[in-house]
Amino acid sequence: MEENERTHILNVLNKCDGRIRGEQGAAKILGVPPTTLASKMLKLGIKRNHY
């Protein structure tokens, strides 16, 4: 399950050119606050240079 979530977040980050915040950011697309996305990324081992 975590691997699916990780893959999904990475795909969205790729589409957003790595942007987490703002109108075109991954957090907005995923429907979560940017701080929540950042926490999930940390938990899943996603670093800014992975996407």
N, C-alpha and C. Protein backbone atom coordinates (compact mmCIF):
# COMPACT_ATOMS: atom_id res chain seq x y z
N MET A 1 0.81 -1.19 0.00
CA MET A 1 0.00 0.00 0.00
C MET A 1 0.86 1.27 0.00
N GLU A 2 1.89 1.29 0.84
CA GLU A 2 2.79 2.45 0.87
C GLU A 2 3.48 2.66 -0.46
N GLU A 3 3.83 1.58 -1.13
CA GLU A 3 4.50 1.71 -2.43
C GLU A 3 3.58 2.37 -3.45
N ASN A 4 2.29 2.02 -3.42
CA ASN A 4 1.33 2.65 -4.34
C ASN A 4 1.20 4.14 -4.04
N GLU A 5 1.14 4.49 -2.76
CA GLU A 5 1.03 5.88 -2.37
C GLU A 5 2.28 6.65 -2.79
N ARG A 6 3.43 6.03 -2.59
CA ARG A 6 4.71 6.65 -2.97
C ARG A 6 4.75 6.91 -4.47
N THR A 7 4.36 5.91 -5.25
CA THR A 7 4.36 6.04 -6.71
C THR A 7 3.40 7.14 -7.15
N HIS A 8 2.23 7.18 -6.54
CA HIS A 8 1.24 8.20 -6.90
C HIS A 8 1.75 9.61 -6.60
N ILE A 9 2.34 9.79 -5.42
CA ILE A 9 2.89 11.10 -5.06
C ILE A 9 4.01 11.49 -6.02
N LEU A 10 4.89 10.55 -6.34
CA LEU A 10 5.97 10.85 -7.27
C LEU A 10 5.44 11.23 -8.65
N ASN A 11 4.40 10.56 -9.11
CA ASN A 11 3.81 10.90 -10.41
C ASN A 11 3.23 12.31 -10.40
N VAL A 12 2.53 12.65 -9.34
CA VAL A 12 1.96 13.99 -9.25
C VAL A 12 3.06 15.04 -9.16
N LEU A 13 4.10 14.77 -8.38
CA LEU A 13 5.21 15.71 -8.27
C LEU A 13 5.89 15.92 -9.63
N ASN A 14 6.02 14.85 -10.38
CA ASN A 14 6.61 14.99 -11.72
C ASN A 14 5.76 15.88 -12.61
N LYS A 15 4.45 15.72 -12.55
CA LYS A 15 3.54 16.54 -13.35
C LYS A 15 3.59 18.00 -12.93
N CYS A 16 3.90 18.24 -11.66
CA CYS A 16 3.95 19.61 -11.12
C CYS A 16 5.36 20.19 -11.15
N ASP A 17 6.28 19.51 -11.82
CA ASP A 17 7.69 19.93 -11.86
C ASP A 17 8.28 20.09 -10.46
N GLY A 18 7.85 19.24 -9.54
CA GLY A 18 8.39 19.25 -8.19
C GLY A 18 7.78 20.27 -7.26
N ARG A 19 6.84 21.04 -7.75
CA ARG A 19 6.21 22.08 -6.92
C ARG A 19 5.24 21.43 -5.93
N ILE A 20 5.37 21.80 -4.67
CA ILE A 20 4.52 21.24 -3.63
C ILE A 20 3.37 22.19 -3.29
N ARG A 21 3.68 23.46 -3.20
CA ARG A 21 2.69 24.46 -2.77
C ARG A 21 2.14 25.26 -3.95
N GLY A 22 1.07 25.98 -3.69
CA GLY A 22 0.49 26.88 -4.68
C GLY A 22 -0.61 26.24 -5.52
N GLU A 23 -1.19 27.04 -6.39
CA GLU A 23 -2.31 26.59 -7.22
C GLU A 23 -1.93 25.42 -8.14
N GLN A 24 -0.72 25.40 -8.60
CA GLN A 24 -0.26 24.33 -9.50
C GLN A 24 0.56 23.28 -8.76
N GLY A 25 0.52 23.31 -7.43
CA GLY A 25 1.33 22.40 -6.63
C GLY A 25 0.69 21.04 -6.42
N ALA A 26 1.52 20.09 -6.07
CA ALA A 26 1.07 18.71 -5.86
C ALA A 26 0.08 18.60 -4.71
N ALA A 27 0.27 19.38 -3.66
CA ALA A 27 -0.64 19.30 -2.51
C ALA A 27 -2.06 19.68 -2.92
N LYS A 28 -2.20 20.70 -3.74
CA LYS A 28 -3.53 21.12 -4.21
C LYS A 28 -4.17 20.01 -5.03
N ILE A 29 -3.41 19.41 -5.91
CA ILE A 29 -3.93 18.33 -6.77
C ILE A 29 -4.32 17.11 -5.92
N LEU A 30 -3.51 16.81 -4.93
CA LEU A 30 -3.79 15.66 -4.07
C LEU A 30 -4.86 15.94 -3.02
N GLY A 31 -5.20 17.21 -2.85
CA GLY A 31 -6.24 17.57 -1.89
C GLY A 31 -5.81 17.51 -0.43
N VAL A 32 -4.53 17.79 -0.20
CA VAL A 32 -4.02 17.79 1.17
C VAL A 32 -3.24 19.09 1.40
N PRO A 33 -3.11 19.50 2.66
CA PRO A 33 -2.29 20.67 2.96
C PRO A 33 -0.82 20.39 2.61
N PRO A 34 -0.07 21.41 2.20
CA PRO A 34 1.35 21.20 1.87
C PRO A 34 2.15 20.58 3.01
N THR A 35 1.81 20.93 4.24
CA THR A 35 2.54 20.35 5.38
C THR A 35 2.29 18.86 5.50
N THR A 36 1.07 18.43 5.20
CA THR A 36 0.74 17.01 5.23
C THR A 36 1.50 16.27 4.14
N LEU A 37 1.54 16.86 2.96
CA LEU A 37 2.28 16.24 1.86
C LEU A 37 3.76 16.14 2.22
N ALA A 38 4.32 17.19 2.78
CA ALA A 38 5.73 17.16 3.17
C ALA A 38 5.99 16.05 4.19
N SER A 39 5.08 15.88 5.15
CA SER A 39 5.22 14.81 6.15
C SER A 39 5.15 13.43 5.51
N LYS A 40 4.20 13.26 4.58
CA LYS A 40 4.07 11.98 3.88
C LYS A 40 5.32 11.69 3.07
N MET A 41 5.86 12.71 2.41
CA MET A 41 7.08 12.54 1.62
C MET A 41 8.22 12.08 2.52
N LEU A 42 8.35 12.70 3.67
CA LEU A 42 9.40 12.31 4.62
C LEU A 42 9.21 10.87 5.06
N LYS A 43 7.98 10.51 5.41
CA LYS A 43 7.67 9.15 5.87
C LYS A 43 7.97 8.11 4.78
N LEU A 44 7.68 8.48 3.52
CA LEU A 44 7.86 7.54 2.41
C LEU A 44 9.26 7.61 1.79
N GLY A 45 10.11 8.46 2.33
CA GLY A 45 11.48 8.56 1.84
C GLY A 45 11.60 9.26 0.50
N ILE A 46 10.68 10.16 0.21
CA ILE A 46 10.73 10.92 -1.05
C ILE A 46 11.49 12.21 -0.78
N LYS A 47 12.60 12.38 -1.48
CA LYS A 47 13.38 13.61 -1.34
C LYS A 47 13.20 14.45 -2.60
N ARG A 48 13.48 15.70 -2.49
CA ARG A 48 13.25 16.62 -3.60
C ARG A 48 13.98 16.20 -4.88
N ASN A 49 15.07 15.51 -4.77
CA ASN A 49 15.81 15.12 -5.98
C ASN A 49 15.35 13.80 -6.57
N HIS A 50 14.29 13.19 -6.03
CA HIS A 50 13.79 11.90 -6.53
C HIS A 50 12.85 12.03 -7.71
N TYR A 51 12.38 13.20 -8.00
CA TYR A 51 11.38 13.36 -9.06
C TYR A 51 11.80 14.27 -10.14
